[in-house]
Amino acid sequence: MTAEREVFPSGPMVLGLGQCSLDYLGRIHEYPVPDAKCEFSGLVIQGGGPVATALAALSRWGLRCVFSGMIGDDAFGQTIEASLREEGIDTSEMVVRRNGASQFAFIAVEPDAGRRTIFWQRPTGQPLQPEEVPLDKIRQAAVLHTDGLFIDASLLACRTARQAGVPVVVDAGTLRDGMLELARSSDYFIASETFARQLVGNRDPLDACALLLDQGPRLAAVTLGAAGYAALCDGEVIRKPAYPVNALDTTGCGDVFHAGFIFGLVQSWDYGLCLDFAAWAAAQVSLEMGGRRGIPSLSGIRRQGYPVSI
């Protein structure tokens, strides 16, 4: 990795449980009609996945990170694990499924339109099982972060964290079975616009936040892409537009938004500052292809004026 990273082995630890992927990204002029050929350029190959990319950012910002998830024993899996290790992430809790295919995505990026289309394959091996969750490490963590893909494992992890007083942050990309139960076992539930629409239709995203808060988290938020984010906490509405940038590729922006929020939590920032930093960091990611190239450096964060204290 060429990005700057400062590591503090004795610092706070974040345990992430969820998806890891290998992403292939290519630029196209515009999305093709069916039964057409479409030339792409600028191929980028890098690790991806909501939790894995969030941990990559947090590791670069000086936090100890442990990844819990699964890969297959294929070449993609080897590359995924290597990409996490290069980021300084502890992969000792990663489970390898024999004769399994790892998660993979091809992403068609339309820079002129500021959008991308993701084709992805979920891992074919048995999902991460509850008995494979590293409960002792969760109890030692400063924060538990999950995307809920392995729902039974995620629910056990969240309940264990809550019992140990460890804050739980959920990245809710899609309204899958068990996600509302996961909200009841979380402290900070940050959903995508897609999730919010699946939950409440085309109503105001704050309606989704209100419904989610009824499940029990301290804070509920919805990320809205170029429109920014909306959040509810302690009766306060926080709604702000995105940081203005000339976005090249929005892959990974939501993942790094969650990383930014977690980074602020670890430093005891107020929620408004946590969300503001999350939005700024996500905007920086959009300036590069893929979810990890544009992660801002720790020194860049300090130059931006955020009160980094770890």
C-alpha atoms as a PDB file:
ATOM      1  CA  MET A   1       0.000   0.000   0.000  1.00  0.00           C
ATOM      2  CA  THR A   2       1.248   3.452  -0.858  1.00  0.00           C
ATOM      3  CA  ALA A   3      -1.106   5.315   1.475  1.00  0.00           C
ATOM      4  CA  GLU A   4       0.363   6.679   4.691  1.00  0.00           C
ATOM      5  CA  ARG A   5      -0.485   4.677   7.780  1.00  0.00           C
ATOM      6  CA  GLU A   6       0.543   5.138  11.383  1.00  0.00           C
ATOM      7  CA  VAL A   7       0.130   2.113  13.646  1.00  0.00           C
ATOM      8  CA  PHE A   8      -0.209   2.198  17.416  1.00  0.00           C
ATOM      9  CA  PRO A   9      -0.158  -1.463  18.514  1.00  0.00           C
ATOM     10  CA  SER A  10      -1.176  -0.596  22.073  1.00  0.00           C
ATOM     11  CA  GLY A  11      -4.063   1.658  21.002  1.00  0.00           C
ATOM     12  CA  PRO A  12      -7.827   0.982  20.994  1.00  0.00           C
ATOM     13  CA  MET A  13      -9.012  -2.075  19.064  1.00  0.00           C
ATOM     14  CA  VAL A  14     -11.951  -2.264  16.656  1.00  0.00           C
ATOM     15  CA  LEU A  15     -13.307  -5.680  15.762  1.00  0.00           C
ATOM     16  CA  GLY A  16     -15.132  -5.904  12.451  1.00  0.00           C
ATOM     17  CA  LEU A  17     -17.412  -8.817  11.561  1.00  0.00           C
ATOM     18  CA  GLY A  18     -18.762  -9.055   8.040  1.00  0.00           C
ATOM     19  CA  GLN A  19     -17.898  -8.893   4.386  1.00  0.00           C
ATOM     20  CA  CYS A  20     -14.576  -8.853   2.608  1.00  0.00           C
ATOM     21  CA  SER A  21     -14.271  -8.849  -1.159  1.00  0.00           C
ATOM     22  CA  LEU A  22     -11.957  -8.535  -4.097  1.00  0.00           C
ATOM     23  CA  ASP A  23     -13.064  -5.695  -6.352  1.00  0.00           C
ATOM     24  CA  TYR A  24     -12.280  -5.179 -10.029  1.00  0.00           C
ATOM     25  CA  LEU A  25     -13.205  -1.669 -11.170  1.00  0.00           C
ATOM     26  CA  GLY A  26     -13.242  -0.247 -14.684  1.00  0.00           C
ATOM     27  CA  ARG A  27     -14.236   3.108 -16.173  1.00  0.00           C
ATOM     28  CA  ILE A  28     -16.933   3.274 -18.842  1.00  0.00           C
ATOM     29  CA  HIS A  29     -18.382   6.276 -20.668  1.00  0.00           C
ATOM     30  CA  GLU A  30     -21.985   5.294 -20.008  1.00  0.00           C
ATOM     31  CA  TYR A  31     -23.846   2.183 -18.985  1.00  0.00           C
ATOM     32  CA  PRO A  32     -24.601   0.059 -22.080  1.00  0.00           C
ATOM     33  CA  VAL A  33     -27.944  -1.085 -23.422  1.00  0.00           C
ATOM     34  CA  PRO A  34     -28.574  -4.862 -23.407  1.00  0.00           C
ATOM     35  CA  ASP A  35     -26.792  -7.031 -25.958  1.00  0.00           C
ATOM     36  CA  ALA A  36     -24.062  -4.448 -26.599  1.00  0.00           C
ATOM     37  CA  LYS A  37     -20.306  -4.366 -26.221  1.00  0.00           C
ATOM     38  CA  CYS A  38     -18.846  -1.849 -23.796  1.00  0.00           C
ATOM     39  CA  GLU A  39     -15.161  -0.987 -23.618  1.00  0.00           C
ATOM     40  CA  PHE A  40     -13.734  -0.130 -20.208  1.00  0.00           C
ATOM     41  CA  SER A  41     -10.421   1.409 -19.178  1.00  0.00           C
ATOM     42  CA  GLY A  42      -8.332   2.122 -16.101  1.00  0.00           C
ATOM     43  CA  LEU A  43      -8.691  -1.292 -14.477  1.00  0.00           C
ATOM     44  CA  VAL A  44      -8.194  -1.161 -10.696  1.00  0.00           C
ATOM     45  CA  ILE A  45      -7.955  -4.268  -8.508  1.00  0.00           C
ATOM     46  CA  GLN A  46      -8.220  -3.853  -4.755  1.00  0.00           C
ATOM     47  CA  GLY A  47      -9.782  -5.262  -1.623  1.00  0.00           C
ATOM     48  CA  GLY A  48     -13.334  -4.274  -0.808  1.00  0.00           C
ATOM     49  CA  GLY A  49     -16.332  -5.073   1.372  1.00  0.00           C
ATOM     50  CA  PRO A  50     -18.104  -2.789   3.868  1.00  0.00           C
ATOM     51  CA  VAL A  51     -16.470  -3.967   7.092  1.00  0.00           C
ATOM     52  CA  ALA A  52     -13.098  -4.784   5.520  1.00  0.00           C
ATOM     53  CA  THR A  53     -12.774  -1.333   3.935  1.00  0.00           C
ATOM     54  CA  ALA A  54     -13.869   0.405   7.133  1.00  0.00           C
ATOM     55  CA  LEU A  55     -11.131  -1.467   9.000  1.00  0.00           C
ATOM     56  CA  ALA A  56      -8.579  -0.507   6.334  1.00  0.00           C
ATOM     57  CA  ALA A  57      -9.347   3.156   7.010  1.00  0.00           C
ATOM     58  CA  LEU A  58      -9.267   2.742  10.788  1.00  0.00           C
ATOM     59  CA  SER A  59      -5.962   0.892  10.632  1.00  0.00           C
ATOM     60  CA  ARG A  60      -4.405   3.683   8.561  1.00  0.00           C
ATOM     61  CA  TRP A  61      -5.653   6.127  11.192  1.00  0.00           C
ATOM     62  CA  GLY A  62      -3.806   4.330  13.961  1.00  0.00           C
ATOM     63  CA  LEU A  63      -6.330   1.915  15.466  1.00  0.00           C
ATOM     64  CA  ARG A  64      -5.726  -1.793  16.017  1.00  0.00           C
ATOM     65  CA  CYS A  65      -8.162  -3.755  13.873  1.00  0.00           C
ATOM     66  CA  VAL A  66      -9.275  -7.390  13.907  1.00  0.00           C
ATOM     67  CA  PHE A  67     -11.332  -8.861  11.064  1.00  0.00           C
ATOM     68  CA  SER A  68     -13.800 -11.708  11.571  1.00  0.00           C
ATOM     69  CA  GLY A  69     -15.298 -13.151   8.405  1.00  0.00           C
ATOM     70  CA  MET A  70     -14.864 -15.854   5.804  1.00  0.00           C
ATOM     71  CA  ILE A  71     -13.188 -16.445   2.457  1.00  0.00           C
ATOM     72  CA  GLY A  72     -12.828 -19.414   0.167  1.00  0.00           C
ATOM     73  CA  ASP A  73      -9.582 -21.236  -0.459  1.00  0.00           C
ATOM     74  CA  ASP A  74      -9.378 -19.783  -3.980  1.00  0.00           C
ATOM     75  CA  ALA A  75      -6.939 -17.264  -5.434  1.00  0.00           C
ATOM     76  CA  PHE A  76      -9.345 -14.404  -4.728  1.00  0.00           C
ATOM     77  CA  GLY A  77      -9.397 -15.357  -1.054  1.00  0.00           C
ATOM     78  CA  GLN A  78      -5.617 -15.326  -0.875  1.00  0.00           C
ATOM     79  CA  THR A  79      -5.555 -11.846  -2.415  1.00  0.00           C
ATOM     80  CA  ILE A  80      -8.260 -10.582  -0.045  1.00  0.00           C
ATOM     81  CA  GLU A  81      -6.387 -11.806   3.015  1.00  0.00           C
ATOM     82  CA  ALA A  82      -3.099 -10.363   1.737  1.00  0.00           C
ATOM     83  CA  SER A  83      -4.751  -6.974   1.167  1.00  0.00           C
ATOM     84  CA  LEU A  84      -5.983  -6.910   4.768  1.00  0.00           C
ATOM     85  CA  ARG A  85      -2.605  -7.890   6.161  1.00  0.00           C
ATOM     86  CA  GLU A  86      -0.941  -5.168   4.095  1.00  0.00           C
ATOM     87  CA  GLU A  87      -3.262  -2.718   5.844  1.00  0.00           C
ATOM     88  CA  GLY A  88      -2.030  -3.966   9.234  1.00  0.00           C
ATOM     89  CA  ILE A  89      -5.300  -5.749  10.038  1.00  0.00           C
ATOM     90  CA  ASP A  90      -5.241  -8.883  12.201  1.00  0.00           C
ATOM     91  CA  THR A  91      -6.715 -11.702  10.083  1.00  0.00           C
ATOM     92  CA  SER A  92      -6.229 -14.508  12.626  1.00  0.00           C
ATOM     93  CA  GLU A  93     -10.031 -14.717  13.087  1.00  0.00           C
ATOM     94  CA  MET A  94     -10.701 -15.082   9.348  1.00  0.00           C
ATOM     95  CA  VAL A  95     -12.214 -18.471   8.454  1.00  0.00           C
ATOM     96  CA  VAL A  96     -11.217 -20.203   5.204  1.00  0.00           C
ATOM     97  CA  ARG A  97     -13.811 -22.519   3.623  1.00  0.00           C
ATOM     98  CA  ARG A  98     -12.387 -25.443   1.685  1.00  0.00           C
ATOM     99  CA  ASN A  99     -13.550 -25.638  -1.935  1.00  0.00           C
ATOM    100  CA  GLY A 100     -15.345 -22.318  -1.497  1.00  0.00           C
ATOM    101  CA  ALA A 101     -15.392 -19.222  -3.698  1.00  0.00           C
ATOM    102  CA  SER A 102     -14.643 -15.865  -2.090  1.00  0.00           C
ATOM    103  CA  GLN A 103     -16.753 -12.741  -2.476  1.00  0.00           C
ATOM    104  CA  PHE A 104     -15.960 -10.928  -5.704  1.00  0.00           C
ATOM    105  CA  ALA A 105     -17.264  -7.830  -7.457  1.00  0.00           C
ATOM    106  CA  PHE A 106     -16.886  -6.137 -10.806  1.00  0.00           C
ATOM    107  CA  ILE A 107     -17.769  -2.466 -10.671  1.00  0.00           C
ATOM    108  CA  ALA A 108     -18.557  -0.382 -13.747  1.00  0.00           C
ATOM    109  CA  VAL A 109     -17.744   3.240 -12.927  1.00  0.00           C
ATOM    110  CA  GLU A 110     -19.264   6.147 -14.880  1.00  0.00           C
ATOM    111  CA  PRO A 111     -17.157   9.179 -13.867  1.00  0.00           C
ATOM    112  CA  ASP A 112     -19.166  11.645 -15.966  1.00  0.00           C
ATOM    113  CA  ALA A 113     -22.380  10.623 -14.214  1.00  0.00           C
ATOM    114  CA  GLY A 114     -20.816  10.178 -10.757  1.00  0.00           C
ATOM    115  CA  ARG A 115     -22.256   6.706 -10.328  1.00  0.00           C
ATOM    116  CA  ARG A 116     -21.273   3.062 -10.432  1.00  0.00           C
ATOM    117  CA  THR A 117     -22.935  -0.292 -10.964  1.00  0.00           C
ATOM    118  CA  ILE A 118     -21.807  -3.264  -8.871  1.00  0.00           C
ATOM    119  CA  PHE A 119     -22.020  -6.885  -9.980  1.00  0.00           C
ATOM    120  CA  TRP A 120     -21.096  -9.131  -7.092  1.00  0.00           C
ATOM    121  CA  GLN A 121     -20.889 -12.757  -6.080  1.00  0.00           C
ATOM    122  CA  ARG A 122     -21.424 -13.673  -2.452  1.00  0.00           C
ATOM    123  CA  PRO A 123     -19.051 -16.255  -0.972  1.00  0.00           C
ATOM    124  CA  THR A 124     -20.192 -19.805  -1.669  1.00  0.00           C
ATOM    125  CA  GLY A 125     -18.950 -21.458   1.515  1.00  0.00           C
ATOM    126  CA  GLN A 126     -20.958 -21.905   4.692  1.00  0.00           C
ATOM    127  CA  PRO A 127     -21.676 -18.526   6.297  1.00  0.00           C
ATOM    128  CA  LEU A 128     -19.702 -17.594   9.379  1.00  0.00           C
ATOM    129  CA  GLN A 129     -21.229 -19.553  12.248  1.00  0.00           C
ATOM    130  CA  PRO A 130     -21.926 -18.294  15.802  1.00  0.00           C
ATOM    131  CA  GLU A 131     -19.387 -20.732  17.250  1.00  0.00           C
ATOM    132  CA  GLU A 132     -16.723 -19.129  15.015  1.00  0.00           C
ATOM    133  CA  VAL A 133     -17.224 -15.636  16.450  1.00  0.00           C
ATOM    134  CA  PRO A 134     -14.246 -14.491  18.592  1.00  0.00           C
ATOM    135  CA  LEU A 135     -16.254 -13.593  21.694  1.00  0.00           C
ATOM    136  CA  ASP A 136     -13.249 -12.918  23.940  1.00  0.00           C
ATOM    137  CA  LYS A 137     -11.813 -10.397  21.477  1.00  0.00           C
ATOM    138  CA  ILE A 138     -15.190  -8.711  21.146  1.00  0.00           C
ATOM    139  CA  ARG A 139     -15.268  -8.200  24.916  1.00  0.00           C
ATOM    140  CA  GLN A 140     -11.838  -6.512  24.686  1.00  0.00           C
ATOM    141  CA  ALA A 141     -12.765  -4.201  21.818  1.00  0.00           C
ATOM    142  CA  ALA A 142     -13.353  -0.457  21.921  1.00  0.00           C
ATOM    143  CA  VAL A 143     -16.026  -0.852  19.201  1.00  0.00           C
ATOM    144  CA  LEU A 144     -17.703  -3.744  17.372  1.00  0.00           C
ATOM    145  CA  HIS A 145     -18.577  -3.038  13.733  1.00  0.00           C
ATOM    146  CA  THR A 146     -20.753  -5.323  11.589  1.00  0.00           C
ATOM    147  CA  ASP A 147     -22.695  -5.234   8.333  1.00  0.00           C
ATOM    148  CA  GLY A 148     -25.044  -8.080   9.293  1.00  0.00           C
ATOM    149  CA  LEU A 149     -24.297 -10.306   6.292  1.00  0.00           C
ATOM    150  CA  PHE A 150     -23.762 -13.330   8.543  1.00  0.00           C
ATOM    151  CA  ILE A 151     -26.839 -12.572  10.582  1.00  0.00           C
ATOM    152  CA  ASP A 152     -26.690 -15.336  13.207  1.00  0.00           C
ATOM    153  CA  ALA A 153     -23.014 -14.659  13.893  1.00  0.00           C
ATOM    154  CA  SER A 154     -23.644 -10.897  13.872  1.00  0.00           C
ATOM    155  CA  LEU A 155     -26.491 -11.132  16.384  1.00  0.00           C
ATOM    156  CA  LEU A 156     -24.391 -13.172  18.797  1.00  0.00           C
ATOM    157  CA  ALA A 157     -21.482 -10.762  18.390  1.00  0.00           C
ATOM    158  CA  CYS A 158     -23.698  -7.731  19.040  1.00  0.00           C
ATOM    159  CA  ARG A 159     -25.337  -9.252  22.111  1.00  0.00           C
ATOM    160  CA  THR A 160     -21.955 -10.207  23.503  1.00  0.00           C
ATOM    161  CA  ALA A 161     -20.629  -6.701  22.912  1.00  0.00           C
ATOM    162  CA  ARG A 162     -23.630  -5.051  24.547  1.00  0.00           C
ATOM    163  CA  GLN A 163     -23.323  -7.284  27.617  1.00  0.00           C
ATOM    164  CA  ALA A 164     -19.654  -6.277  27.890  1.00  0.00           C
ATOM    165  CA  GLY A 165     -20.403  -2.564  27.454  1.00  0.00           C
ATOM    166  CA  VAL A 166     -18.740  -2.443  24.019  1.00  0.00           C
ATOM    167  CA  PRO A 167     -20.440   0.005  21.597  1.00  0.00           C
ATOM    168  CA  VAL A 168     -21.931  -1.604  18.476  1.00  0.00           C
ATOM    169  CA  VAL A 169     -21.973   0.149  15.089  1.00  0.00           C
ATOM    170  CA  VAL A 170     -24.028  -1.385  12.268  1.00  0.00           C
ATOM    171  CA  ASP A 171     -23.587  -0.698   8.552  1.00  0.00           C
ATOM    172  CA  ALA A 172     -27.017  -1.487   7.103  1.00  0.00           C
ATOM    173  CA  GLY A 173     -26.781  -1.601   3.321  1.00  0.00           C
ATOM    174  CA  THR A 174     -29.795  -3.791   2.555  1.00  0.00           C
ATOM    175  CA  LEU A 175     -32.924  -4.698   4.527  1.00  0.00           C
ATOM    176  CA  ARG A 176     -32.192  -8.397   4.916  1.00  0.00           C
ATOM    177  CA  ASP A 177     -33.813 -10.825   7.342  1.00  0.00           C
ATOM    178  CA  GLY A 178     -32.745 -10.087  10.893  1.00  0.00           C
ATOM    179  CA  MET A 179     -31.589  -6.512  10.336  1.00  0.00           C
ATOM    180  CA  LEU A 180     -34.249  -4.964  12.577  1.00  0.00           C
ATOM    181  CA  GLU A 181     -33.354  -7.465  15.281  1.00  0.00           C
ATOM    182  CA  LEU A 182     -29.772  -6.357  14.786  1.00  0.00           C
ATOM    183  CA  ALA A 183     -30.895  -2.758  15.303  1.00  0.00           C
ATOM    184  CA  ARG A 184     -32.253  -3.798  18.706  1.00  0.00           C
ATOM    185  CA  SER A 185     -28.784  -5.060  19.629  1.00  0.00           C
ATOM    186  CA  SER A 186     -26.889  -2.004  18.388  1.00  0.00           C
ATOM    187  CA  ASP A 187     -25.917   1.414  19.665  1.00  0.00           C
ATOM    188  CA  TYR A 188     -25.336   3.218  16.358  1.00  0.00           C
ATOM    189  CA  PHE A 189     -27.302   2.108  13.306  1.00  0.00           C
ATOM    190  CA  ILE A 190     -26.214   3.822  10.090  1.00  0.00           C
ATOM    191  CA  ALA A 191     -28.193   2.765   7.026  1.00  0.00           C
ATOM    192  CA  SER A 192     -27.919   3.386   3.320  1.00  0.00           C
ATOM    193  CA  GLU A 193     -30.548   5.253   1.337  1.00  0.00           C
ATOM    194  CA  THR A 194     -31.485   1.907  -0.232  1.00  0.00           C
ATOM    195  CA  PHE A 195     -32.129   0.414   3.211  1.00  0.00           C
ATOM    196  CA  ALA A 196     -34.234   3.432   4.224  1.00  0.00           C
ATOM    197  CA  ARG A 197     -36.392   3.171   1.103  1.00  0.00           C
ATOM    198  CA  GLN A 198     -36.893  -0.543   1.642  1.00  0.00           C
ATOM    199  CA  LEU A 199     -37.980   0.259   5.188  1.00  0.00           C
ATOM    200  CA  VAL A 200     -40.294   3.280   4.689  1.00  0.00           C
ATOM    201  CA  GLY A 201     -40.638   3.728   0.939  1.00  0.00           C
ATOM    202  CA  ASN A 202     -40.077   7.197  -0.511  1.00  0.00           C
ATOM    203  CA  ARG A 203     -40.817   9.012   2.733  1.00  0.00           C
ATOM    204  CA  ASP A 204     -38.347  11.338   4.429  1.00  0.00           C
ATOM    205  CA  PRO A 205     -35.192   9.470   5.531  1.00  0.00           C
ATOM    206  CA  LEU A 206     -35.792  10.857   9.006  1.00  0.00           C
ATOM    207  CA  ASP A 207     -38.893   8.647   9.146  1.00  0.00           C
ATOM    208  CA  ALA A 208     -36.578   5.678   8.737  1.00  0.00           C
ATOM    209  CA  CYS A 209     -34.342   7.076  11.477  1.00  0.00           C
ATOM    210  CA  ALA A 210     -37.319   7.431  13.813  1.00  0.00           C
ATOM    211  CA  LEU A 211     -38.470   3.878  13.159  1.00  0.00           C
ATOM    212  CA  LEU A 212     -34.955   2.575  13.750  1.00  0.00           C
ATOM    213  CA  LEU A 213     -34.590   4.553  16.979  1.00  0.00           C
ATOM    214  CA  ASP A 214     -37.741   2.828  18.218  1.00  0.00           C
ATOM    215  CA  GLN A 215     -35.757  -0.419  18.057  1.00  0.00           C
ATOM    216  CA  GLY A 216     -33.345   0.887  20.688  1.00  0.00           C
ATOM    217  CA  PRO A 217     -30.106   2.361  19.269  1.00  0.00           C
ATOM    218  CA  ARG A 218     -28.765   5.642  20.653  1.00  0.00           C
ATOM    219  CA  LEU A 219     -28.359   7.098  17.151  1.00  0.00           C
ATOM    220  CA  ALA A 220     -29.863   6.246  13.783  1.00  0.00           C
ATOM    221  CA  ALA A 221     -28.663   7.765  10.528  1.00  0.00           C
ATOM    222  CA  VAL A 222     -29.149   7.401   6.782  1.00  0.00           C
ATOM    223  CA  THR A 223     -26.428   8.187   4.253  1.00  0.00           C
ATOM    224  CA  LEU A 224     -27.805   9.890   1.142  1.00  0.00           C
ATOM    225  CA  GLY A 225     -24.911  10.035  -1.300  1.00  0.00           C
ATOM    226  CA  ALA A 226     -24.516  13.480  -2.851  1.00  0.00           C
ATOM    227  CA  ALA A 227     -27.376  14.728  -0.628  1.00  0.00           C
ATOM    228  CA  GLY A 228     -25.354  14.090   2.534  1.00  0.00           C
ATOM    229  CA  TYR A 229     -26.919  12.418   5.547  1.00  0.00           C
ATOM    230  CA  ALA A 230     -29.755  12.608   8.051  1.00  0.00           C
ATOM    231  CA  ALA A 231     -29.591  11.453  11.669  1.00  0.00           C
ATOM    232  CA  LEU A 232     -31.619  11.389  14.875  1.00  0.00           C
ATOM    233  CA  CYS A 233     -30.198  11.189  18.388  1.00  0.00           C
ATOM    234  CA  ASP A 234     -31.485  12.311  21.789  1.00  0.00           C
ATOM    235  CA  GLY A 235     -34.353  14.157  20.115  1.00  0.00           C
ATOM    236  CA  GLU A 236     -31.949  16.144  17.922  1.00  0.00           C
ATOM    237  CA  VAL A 237     -32.132  16.183  14.129  1.00  0.00           C
ATOM    238  CA  ILE A 238     -28.801  16.399  12.310  1.00  0.00           C
ATOM    239  CA  ARG A 239     -29.128  16.882   8.576  1.00  0.00           C
ATOM    240  CA  LYS A 240     -26.327  18.136   6.343  1.00  0.00           C
ATOM    241  CA  PRO A 241     -25.372  18.045   2.662  1.00  0.00           C
ATOM    242  CA  ALA A 242     -22.361  16.156   1.405  1.00  0.00           C
ATOM    243  CA  TYR A 243     -18.985  17.868   1.158  1.00  0.00           C
ATOM    244  CA  PRO A 244     -18.776  19.303  -2.383  1.00  0.00           C
ATOM    245  CA  VAL A 245     -16.241  17.398  -4.498  1.00  0.00           C
ATOM    246  CA  ASN A 246     -15.891  16.348  -8.121  1.00  0.00           C
ATOM    247  CA  ALA A 247     -16.592  12.673  -7.473  1.00  0.00           C
ATOM    248  CA  LEU A 248     -14.901  10.126  -9.706  1.00  0.00           C
ATOM    249  CA  ASP A 249     -16.171   6.930  -8.071  1.00  0.00           C
ATOM    250  CA  THR A 250     -18.448   6.505  -5.068  1.00  0.00           C
ATOM    251  CA  THR A 251     -17.369   2.913  -4.317  1.00  0.00           C
ATOM    252  CA  GLY A 252     -16.498   2.597  -0.632  1.00  0.00           C
ATOM    253  CA  CYS A 253     -17.815   6.002   0.412  1.00  0.00           C
ATOM    254  CA  GLY A 254     -20.375   4.475   2.744  1.00  0.00           C
ATOM    255  CA  ASP A 255     -17.794   2.090   4.189  1.00  0.00           C
ATOM    256  CA  VAL A 256     -15.445   4.952   5.041  1.00  0.00           C
ATOM    257  CA  PHE A 257     -18.360   7.020   6.384  1.00  0.00           C
ATOM    258  CA  HIS A 258     -18.794   4.288   9.002  1.00  0.00           C
ATOM    259  CA  ALA A 259     -15.048   4.250   9.656  1.00  0.00           C
ATOM    260  CA  GLY A 260     -15.096   7.990  10.206  1.00  0.00           C
ATOM    261  CA  PHE A 261     -17.966   7.742  12.660  1.00  0.00           C
ATOM    262  CA  ILE A 262     -16.183   4.984  14.579  1.00  0.00           C
ATOM    263  CA  PHE A 263     -12.936   6.975  14.632  1.00  0.00           C
ATOM    264  CA  GLY A 264     -14.782   9.847  16.269  1.00  0.00           C
ATOM    265  CA  LEU A 265     -16.463   7.564  18.791  1.00  0.00           C
ATOM    266  CA  VAL A 266     -13.107   6.154  19.912  1.00  0.00           C
ATOM    267  CA  GLN A 267     -11.911   9.700  20.579  1.00  0.00           C
ATOM    268  CA  SER A 268     -15.105  10.672  22.424  1.00  0.00           C
ATOM    269  CA  TRP A 269     -16.108  13.350  19.915  1.00  0.00           C
ATOM    270  CA  ASP A 270     -19.714  14.509  20.056  1.00  0.00           C
ATOM    271  CA  TYR A 271     -22.031  12.887  17.537  1.00  0.00           C
ATOM    272  CA  GLY A 272     -22.205  15.946  15.317  1.00  0.00           C
ATOM    273  CA  LEU A 273     -18.434  15.989  14.889  1.00  0.00           C
ATOM    274  CA  CYS A 274     -18.361  12.214  14.338  1.00  0.00           C
ATOM    275  CA  LEU A 275     -20.870  12.564  11.506  1.00  0.00           C
ATOM    276  CA  ASP A 276     -19.154  15.606  10.025  1.00  0.00           C
ATOM    277  CA  PHE A 277     -15.803  13.817   9.908  1.00  0.00           C
ATOM    278  CA  ALA A 278     -17.464  10.720   8.464  1.00  0.00           C
ATOM    279  CA  ALA A 279     -18.951  12.793   5.641  1.00  0.00           C
ATOM    280  CA  TRP A 280     -15.648  14.552   4.926  1.00  0.00           C
ATOM    281  CA  ALA A 281     -13.687  11.286   4.837  1.00  0.00           C
ATOM    282  CA  ALA A 282     -16.280   9.687   2.548  1.00  0.00           C
ATOM    283  CA  ALA A 283     -16.025  12.627   0.147  1.00  0.00           C
ATOM    284  CA  GLN A 284     -12.249  12.194  -0.098  1.00  0.00           C
ATOM    285  CA  VAL A 285     -12.695   8.542  -1.056  1.00  0.00           C
ATOM    286  CA  SER A 286     -14.839   9.529  -4.048  1.00  0.00           C
ATOM    287  CA  LEU A 287     -11.878  11.350  -5.631  1.00  0.00           C
ATOM    288  CA  GLU A 288     -10.159   8.064  -6.521  1.00  0.00           C
ATOM    289  CA  MET A 289     -11.149   4.757  -8.099  1.00  0.00           C
ATOM    290  CA  GLY A 290     -12.129   2.116  -5.567  1.00  0.00           C
ATOM    291  CA  GLY A 291     -12.923   2.290  -1.897  1.00  0.00           C
ATOM    292  CA  ARG A 292      -9.391   2.455  -0.488  1.00  0.00           C
ATOM    293  CA  ARG A 293      -7.146   4.600  -2.683  1.00  0.00           C
ATOM    294  CA  GLY A 294      -8.746   7.833  -1.551  1.00  0.00           C
ATOM    295  CA  ILE A 295      -8.833   7.158   2.207  1.00  0.00           C
ATOM    296  CA  PRO A 296      -7.349  10.336   3.717  1.00  0.00           C
ATOM    297  CA  SER A 297      -4.102  10.040   5.655  1.00  0.00           C
ATOM    298  CA  LEU A 298      -3.873  10.729   9.366  1.00  0.00           C
ATOM    299  CA  SER A 299      -1.698  13.760   8.695  1.00  0.00           C
ATOM    300  CA  GLY A 300      -4.278  15.013   6.183  1.00  0.00           C
ATOM    301  CA  ILE A 301      -6.995  14.640   8.801  1.00  0.00           C
ATOM    302  CA  ARG A 302      -4.975  16.730  11.218  1.00  0.00           C
ATOM    303  CA  ARG A 303      -4.362  19.377   8.548  1.00  0.00           C
ATOM    304  CA  GLN A 304      -8.123  19.540   8.024  1.00  0.00           C
ATOM    305  CA  GLY A 305      -8.405  20.589  11.672  1.00  0.00           C
ATOM    306  CA  TYR A 306     -10.057  17.558  13.243  1.00  0.00           C
ATOM    307  CA  PRO A 307      -8.983  17.130  16.904  1.00  0.00           C
ATOM    308  CA  VAL A 308      -7.132  13.822  16.600  1.00  0.00           C
ATOM    309  CA  SER A 309      -5.898  12.729  20.028  1.00  0.00           C
ATOM    310  CA  ILE A 310      -4.972   9.045  19.695  1.00  0.00           C
END
